[in-house]
Amino acid sequence: AALRTVYGVEAEFLTCSAARPVILPIA
């Protein structure tokens, strides 16, 4: 929701092996 509001993008949130989020902008 913050990425939509602040950055104006849709993004997919993944989780890496270190349990940290990885953000993949989509559109």
PDB file of all heavy atoms in Angstrom:
ATOM      1  N   ALA A   1       0.830  -1.209   0.000  1.00  0.00           N
ATOM      2  CA  ALA A   1       0.000   0.000   0.000  1.00  0.00           C
ATOM      3  C   ALA A   1       0.865   1.260   0.000  1.00  0.00           C
ATOM      4  O   ALA A   1       0.554   2.245  -0.679  1.00  0.00           O
ATOM      5  CB  ALA A   1      -0.929  -0.006   1.214  1.00  0.00           C
ATOM      6  N   ALA A   2       1.968   1.239   0.766  1.00  0.00           N
ATOM      7  CA  ALA A   2       2.857   2.402   0.814  1.00  0.00           C
ATOM      8  C   ALA A   2       3.517   2.639  -0.547  1.00  0.00           C
ATOM      9  O   ALA A   2       3.680   3.786  -0.973  1.00  0.00           O
ATOM     10  CB  ALA A   2       3.917   2.210   1.890  1.00  0.00           C
ATOM     11  N   LEU A   3       3.887   1.563  -1.232  1.00  0.00           N
ATOM     12  CA  LEU A   3       4.505   1.727  -2.548  1.00  0.00           C
ATOM     13  C   LEU A   3       3.518   2.327  -3.545  1.00  0.00           C
ATOM     14  O   LEU A   3       3.897   3.117  -4.412  1.00  0.00           O
ATOM     15  CB  LEU A   3       5.038   0.392  -3.061  1.00  0.00           C
ATOM     16  CG  LEU A   3       6.272  -0.165  -2.338  1.00  0.00           C
ATOM     17  CD1 LEU A   3       6.821  -1.370  -3.085  1.00  0.00           C
ATOM     18  CD2 LEU A   3       7.352   0.880  -2.183  1.00  0.00           C
ATOM     19  N   ARG A   4       2.252   1.927  -3.430  1.00  0.00           N
ATOM     20  CA  ARG A   4       1.255   2.516  -4.316  1.00  0.00           C
ATOM     21  C   ARG A   4       1.099   4.009  -4.026  1.00  0.00           C
ATOM     22  O   ARG A   4       1.057   4.836  -4.942  1.00  0.00           O
ATOM     23  CB  ARG A   4      -0.094   1.817  -4.141  1.00  0.00           C
ATOM     24  CG  ARG A   4      -0.114   0.361  -4.559  1.00  0.00           C
ATOM     25  CD  ARG A   4      -1.520  -0.202  -4.508  1.00  0.00           C
ATOM     26  NE  ARG A   4      -1.504  -1.649  -4.519  1.00  0.00           N
ATOM     27  CZ  ARG A   4      -1.723  -2.419  -3.452  1.00  0.00           C
ATOM     28  NH1 ARG A   4      -2.023  -1.858  -2.285  1.00  0.00           N
ATOM     29  NH2 ARG A   4      -1.675  -3.731  -3.547  1.00  0.00           N
ATOM     30  N   THR A   5       0.987   4.347  -2.753  1.00  0.00           N
ATOM     31  CA  THR A   5       0.707   5.726  -2.364  1.00  0.00           C
ATOM     32  C   THR A   5       1.904   6.639  -2.564  1.00  0.00           C
ATOM     33  O   THR A   5       1.777   7.748  -3.089  1.00  0.00           O
ATOM     34  CB  THR A   5       0.274   5.778  -0.881  1.00  0.00           C
ATOM     35  OG1 THR A   5      -0.873   4.951  -0.696  1.00  0.00           O
ATOM     36  CG2 THR A   5      -0.046   7.192  -0.456  1.00  0.00           C
ATOM     37  N   VAL A   6       3.080   6.186  -2.126  1.00  0.00           N
ATOM     38  CA  VAL A   6       4.270   7.047  -2.112  1.00  0.00           C
ATOM     39  C   VAL A   6       5.032   7.005  -3.433  1.00  0.00           C
ATOM     40  O   VAL A   6       5.457   8.035  -3.951  1.00  0.00           O
ATOM     41  CB  VAL A   6       5.194   6.655  -0.938  1.00  0.00           C
ATOM     42  CG1 VAL A   6       6.478   7.476  -0.968  1.00  0.00           C
ATOM     43  CG2 VAL A   6       4.470   6.845   0.393  1.00  0.00           C
ATOM     44  N   TYR A   7       5.214   5.798  -3.984  1.00  0.00           N
ATOM     45  CA  TYR A   7       6.002   5.655  -5.207  1.00  0.00           C
ATOM     46  C   TYR A   7       5.144   5.556  -6.470  1.00  0.00           C
ATOM     47  O   TYR A   7       5.658   5.716  -7.580  1.00  0.00           O
ATOM     48  CB  TYR A   7       6.883   4.408  -5.124  1.00  0.00           C
ATOM     49  CG  TYR A   7       8.070   4.547  -4.209  1.00  0.00           C
ATOM     50  CD1 TYR A   7       7.976   4.212  -2.868  1.00  0.00           C
ATOM     51  CD2 TYR A   7       9.302   4.991  -4.683  1.00  0.00           C
ATOM     52  CE1 TYR A   7       9.069   4.317  -2.015  1.00  0.00           C
ATOM     53  CE2 TYR A   7      10.404   5.098  -3.850  1.00  0.00           C
ATOM     54  CZ  TYR A   7      10.278   4.768  -2.515  1.00  0.00           C
ATOM     55  OH  TYR A   7      11.364   4.879  -1.682  1.00  0.00           O
ATOM     56  N   GLY A   8       3.872   5.220  -6.312  1.00  0.00           N
ATOM     57  CA  GLY A   8       3.013   5.069  -7.479  1.00  0.00           C
ATOM     58  C   GLY A   8       3.306   3.830  -8.290  1.00  0.00           C
ATOM     59  O   GLY A   8       3.196   3.844  -9.515  1.00  0.00           O
ATOM     60  N   VAL A   9       3.696   2.732  -7.609  1.00  0.00           N
ATOM     61  CA  VAL A   9       3.989   1.485  -8.313  1.00  0.00           C
ATOM     62  C   VAL A   9       3.321   0.305  -7.616  1.00  0.00           C
ATOM     63  O   VAL A   9       3.092   0.314  -6.402  1.00  0.00           O
ATOM     64  CB  VAL A   9       5.512   1.212  -8.405  1.00  0.00           C
ATOM     65  CG1 VAL A   9       6.212   2.287  -9.201  1.00  0.00           C
ATOM     66  CG2 VAL A   9       6.129   1.065  -7.021  1.00  0.00           C
ATOM     67  N   GLU A  10       3.009  -0.692  -8.409  1.00  0.00           N
ATOM     68  CA  GLU A  10       2.615  -1.990  -7.885  1.00  0.00           C
ATOM     69  C   GLU A  10       3.878  -2.837  -7.773  1.00  0.00           C
ATOM     70  O   GLU A  10       4.744  -2.794  -8.648  1.00  0.00           O
ATOM     71  CB  GLU A  10       1.626  -2.677  -8.825  1.00  0.00           C
ATOM     72  CG  GLU A  10       0.262  -2.022  -8.909  1.00  0.00           C
ATOM     73  CD  GLU A  10      -0.625  -2.365  -7.723  1.00  0.00           C
ATOM     74  OE1 GLU A  10      -0.153  -3.057  -6.799  1.00  0.00           O
ATOM     75  OE2 GLU A  10      -1.794  -1.954  -7.737  1.00  0.00           O
ATOM     76  N   ALA A  11       3.987  -3.600  -6.696  1.00  0.00           N
ATOM     77  CA  ALA A  11       5.184  -4.409  -6.500  1.00  0.00           C
ATOM     78  C   ALA A  11       4.818  -5.732  -5.852  1.00  0.00           C
ATOM     79  O   ALA A  11       3.844  -5.835  -5.094  1.00  0.00           O
ATOM     80  CB  ALA A  11       6.195  -3.670  -5.640  1.00  0.00           C
ATOM     81  N   GLU A  12       5.621  -6.723  -6.171  1.00  0.00           N
ATOM     82  CA  GLU A  12       5.493  -8.031  -5.531  1.00  0.00           C
ATOM     83  C   GLU A  12       6.538  -8.133  -4.439  1.00  0.00           C
ATOM     84  O   GLU A  12       7.704  -7.780  -4.632  1.00  0.00           O
ATOM     85  CB  GLU A  12       5.692  -9.143  -6.559  1.00  0.00           C
ATOM     86  CG  GLU A  12       5.442 -10.539  -5.994  1.00  0.00           C
ATOM     87  CD  GLU A  12       5.528 -11.617  -7.057  1.00  0.00           C
ATOM     88  OE1 GLU A  12       5.640 -11.253  -8.256  1.00  0.00           O
ATOM     89  OE2 GLU A  12       5.494 -12.806  -6.694  1.00  0.00           O
ATOM     90  N   PHE A  13       6.133  -8.610  -3.267  1.00  0.00           N
ATOM     91  CA  PHE A  13       7.041  -8.769  -2.142  1.00  0.00           C
ATOM     92  C   PHE A  13       7.393 -10.246  -1.993  1.00  0.00           C
ATOM     93  O   PHE A  13       6.526 -11.087  -1.754  1.00  0.00           O
ATOM     94  CB  PHE A  13       6.395  -8.254  -0.851  1.00  0.00           C
ATOM     95  CG  PHE A  13       6.447  -6.765  -0.692  1.00  0.00           C
ATOM     96  CD1 PHE A  13       5.882  -5.922  -1.647  1.00  0.00           C
ATOM     97  CD2 PHE A  13       7.072  -6.177   0.398  1.00  0.00           C
ATOM     98  CE1 PHE A  13       5.924  -4.545  -1.513  1.00  0.00           C
ATOM     99  CE2 PHE A  13       7.132  -4.805   0.549  1.00  0.00           C
ATOM    100  CZ  PHE A  13       6.552  -3.978  -0.411  1.00  0.00           C
ATOM    101  N   LEU A  14       8.682 -10.554  -2.142  1.00  0.00           N
ATOM    102  CA  LEU A  14       9.177 -11.908  -1.964  1.00  0.00           C
ATOM    103  C   LEU A  14       9.981 -11.966  -0.672  1.00  0.00           C
ATOM    104  O   LEU A  14      10.218 -10.957  -0.018  1.00  0.00           O
ATOM    105  CB  LEU A  14      10.049 -12.310  -3.162  1.00  0.00           C
ATOM    106  CG  LEU A  14       9.442 -12.079  -4.550  1.00  0.00           C
ATOM    107  CD1 LEU A  14      10.460 -12.409  -5.636  1.00  0.00           C
ATOM    108  CD2 LEU A  14       8.174 -12.897  -4.723  1.00  0.00           C
ATOM    109  N   THR A  15      10.407 -13.150  -0.295  1.00  0.00           N
ATOM    110  CA  THR A  15      11.238 -13.321   0.899  1.00  0.00           C
ATOM    111  C   THR A  15      12.489 -14.092   0.527  1.00  0.00           C
ATOM    112  O   THR A  15      12.410 -15.166  -0.083  1.00  0.00           O
ATOM    113  CB  THR A  15      10.484 -14.082   2.009  1.00  0.00           C
ATOM    114  OG1 THR A  15       9.272 -13.374   2.317  1.00  0.00           O
ATOM    115  CG2 THR A  15      11.343 -14.185   3.264  1.00  0.00           C
ATOM    116  N   CYS A  16      13.668 -13.523   0.864  1.00  0.00           N
ATOM    117  CA  CYS A  16      14.924 -14.180   0.521  1.00  0.00           C
ATOM    118  C   CYS A  16      15.292 -15.211   1.589  1.00  0.00           C
ATOM    119  O   CYS A  16      14.596 -15.364   2.590  1.00  0.00           O
ATOM    120  CB  CYS A  16      16.044 -13.150   0.365  1.00  0.00           C
ATOM    121  SG  CYS A  16      16.559 -12.392   1.908  1.00  0.00           S
ATOM    122  N   SER A  17      16.397 -15.910   1.387  1.00  0.00           N
ATOM    123  CA  SER A  17      16.817 -16.961   2.316  1.00  0.00           C
ATOM    124  C   SER A  17      17.163 -16.420   3.689  1.00  0.00           C
ATOM    125  O   SER A  17      17.141 -17.158   4.673  1.00  0.00           O
ATOM    126  CB  SER A  17      18.029 -17.708   1.743  1.00  0.00           C
ATOM    127  OG  SER A  17      19.104 -16.816   1.524  1.00  0.00           O
ATOM    128  N   ALA A  18      17.483 -15.107   3.782  1.00  0.00           N
ATOM    129  CA  ALA A  18      17.790 -14.491   5.072  1.00  0.00           C
ATOM    130  C   ALA A  18      16.536 -13.946   5.741  1.00  0.00           C
ATOM    131  O   ALA A  18      16.627 -13.207   6.731  1.00  0.00           O
ATOM    132  CB  ALA A  18      18.811 -13.372   4.881  1.00  0.00           C
ATOM    133  N   ALA A  19      15.367 -14.323   5.217  1.00  0.00           N
ATOM    134  CA  ALA A  19      14.071 -13.906   5.764  1.00  0.00           C
ATOM    135  C   ALA A  19      13.857 -12.397   5.653  1.00  0.00           C
ATOM    136  O   ALA A  19      13.109 -11.815   6.436  1.00  0.00           O
ATOM    137  CB  ALA A  19      13.912 -14.366   7.210  1.00  0.00           C
ATOM    138  N   ARG A  20      14.512 -11.773   4.694  1.00  0.00           N
ATOM    139  CA  ARG A  20      14.326 -10.351   4.436  1.00  0.00           C
ATOM    140  C   ARG A  20      13.447 -10.181   3.203  1.00  0.00           C
ATOM    141  O   ARG A  20      13.500 -10.988   2.278  1.00  0.00           O
ATOM    142  CB  ARG A  20      15.673  -9.681   4.183  1.00  0.00           C
ATOM    143  CG  ARG A  20      16.598  -9.673   5.383  1.00  0.00           C
ATOM    144  CD  ARG A  20      16.235  -8.568   6.332  1.00  0.00           C
ATOM    145  NE  ARG A  20      17.244  -8.370   7.360  1.00  0.00           N
ATOM    146  CZ  ARG A  20      17.279  -7.346   8.188  1.00  0.00           C
ATOM    147  NH1 ARG A  20      16.345  -6.409   8.108  1.00  0.00           N
ATOM    148  NH2 ARG A  20      18.206  -7.252   9.112  1.00  0.00           N
ATOM    149  N   PRO A  21      12.637  -9.114   3.158  1.00  0.00           N
ATOM    150  CA  PRO A  21      11.797  -8.908   1.977  1.00  0.00           C
ATOM    151  C   PRO A  21      12.618  -8.496   0.761  1.00  0.00           C
ATOM    152  O   PRO A  21      13.633  -7.820   0.878  1.00  0.00           O
ATOM    153  CB  PRO A  21      10.853  -7.772   2.409  1.00  0.00           C
ATOM    154  CG  PRO A  21      11.580  -7.061   3.490  1.00  0.00           C
ATOM    155  CD  PRO A  21      12.387  -8.106   4.201  1.00  0.00           C
ATOM    156  N   VAL A  22      12.178  -8.948  -0.390  1.00  0.00           N
ATOM    157  CA  VAL A  22      12.750  -8.536  -1.671  1.00  0.00           C
ATOM    158  C   VAL A  22      11.611  -7.932  -2.485  1.00  0.00           C
ATOM    159  O   VAL A  22      10.573  -8.570  -2.680  1.00  0.00           O
ATOM    160  CB  VAL A  22      13.373  -9.723  -2.422  1.00  0.00           C
ATOM    161  CG1 VAL A  22      13.881  -9.275  -3.795  1.00  0.00           C
ATOM    162  CG2 VAL A  22      14.500 -10.346  -1.608  1.00  0.00           C
ATOM    163  N   ILE A  23      11.807  -6.699  -2.948  1.00  0.00           N
ATOM    164  CA  ILE A  23      10.747  -5.973  -3.631  1.00  0.00           C
ATOM    165  C   ILE A  23      10.976  -6.009  -5.134  1.00  0.00           C
ATOM    166  O   ILE A  23      12.045  -5.629  -5.622  1.00  0.00           O
ATOM    167  CB  ILE A  23      10.684  -4.518  -3.134  1.00  0.00           C
ATOM    168  CG1 ILE A  23      10.375  -4.506  -1.634  1.00  0.00           C
ATOM    169  CG2 ILE A  23       9.643  -3.724  -3.906  1.00  0.00           C
ATOM    170  CD1 ILE A  23      10.460  -3.139  -1.012  1.00  0.00           C
ATOM    171  N   LEU A  24       9.969  -6.468  -5.838  1.00  0.00           N
ATOM    172  CA  LEU A  24      10.031  -6.576  -7.295  1.00  0.00           C
ATOM    173  C   LEU A  24       8.952  -5.672  -7.898  1.00  0.00           C
ATOM    174  O   LEU A  24       7.772  -6.032  -7.910  1.00  0.00           O
ATOM    175  CB  LEU A  24       9.816  -8.022  -7.727  1.00  0.00           C
ATOM    176  CG  LEU A  24       9.852  -8.308  -9.222  1.00  0.00           C
ATOM    177  CD1 LEU A  24      11.221  -7.992  -9.806  1.00  0.00           C
ATOM    178  CD2 LEU A  24       9.464  -9.757  -9.497  1.00  0.00           C
ATOM    179  N   PRO A  25       9.324  -4.477  -8.366  1.00  0.00           N
ATOM    180  CA  PRO A  25       8.331  -3.603  -8.997  1.00  0.00           C
ATOM    181  C   PRO A  25       7.739  -4.275 -10.240  1.00  0.00           C
ATOM    182  O   PRO A  25       8.459  -4.895 -11.023  1.00  0.00           O
ATOM    183  CB  PRO A  25       9.136  -2.353  -9.371  1.00  0.00           C
ATOM    184  CG  PRO A  25      10.356  -2.405  -8.504  1.00  0.00           C
ATOM    185  CD  PRO A  25      10.661  -3.858  -8.329  1.00  0.00           C
ATOM    186  N   ILE A  26       6.422  -4.135 -10.412  1.00  0.00           N
ATOM    187  CA  ILE A  26       5.738  -4.801 -11.510  1.00  0.00           C
ATOM    188  C   ILE A  26       5.216  -3.808 -12.544  1.00  0.00           C
ATOM    189  O   ILE A  26       5.428  -3.965 -13.746  1.00  0.00           O
ATOM    190  CB  ILE A  26       4.570  -5.659 -10.976  1.00  0.00           C
ATOM    191  CG1 ILE A  26       5.111  -6.755 -10.048  1.00  0.00           C
ATOM    192  CG2 ILE A  26       3.785  -6.265 -12.126  1.00  0.00           C
ATOM    193  CD1 ILE A  26       4.021  -7.539  -9.350  1.00  0.00           C
ATOM    194  N   ALA A  27       4.535  -2.765 -12.065  1.00  0.00           N
ATOM    195  CA  ALA A  27       3.909  -1.829 -13.001  1.00  0.00           C
ATOM    196  C   ALA A  27       3.549  -0.547 -12.264  1.00  0.00           C
ATOM    197  O   ALA A  27       3.452  -0.538 -11.032  1.00  0.00           O
ATOM    198  CB  ALA A  27       2.639  -2.454 -13.597  1.00  0.00           C
TER     199      ALA A  27
END
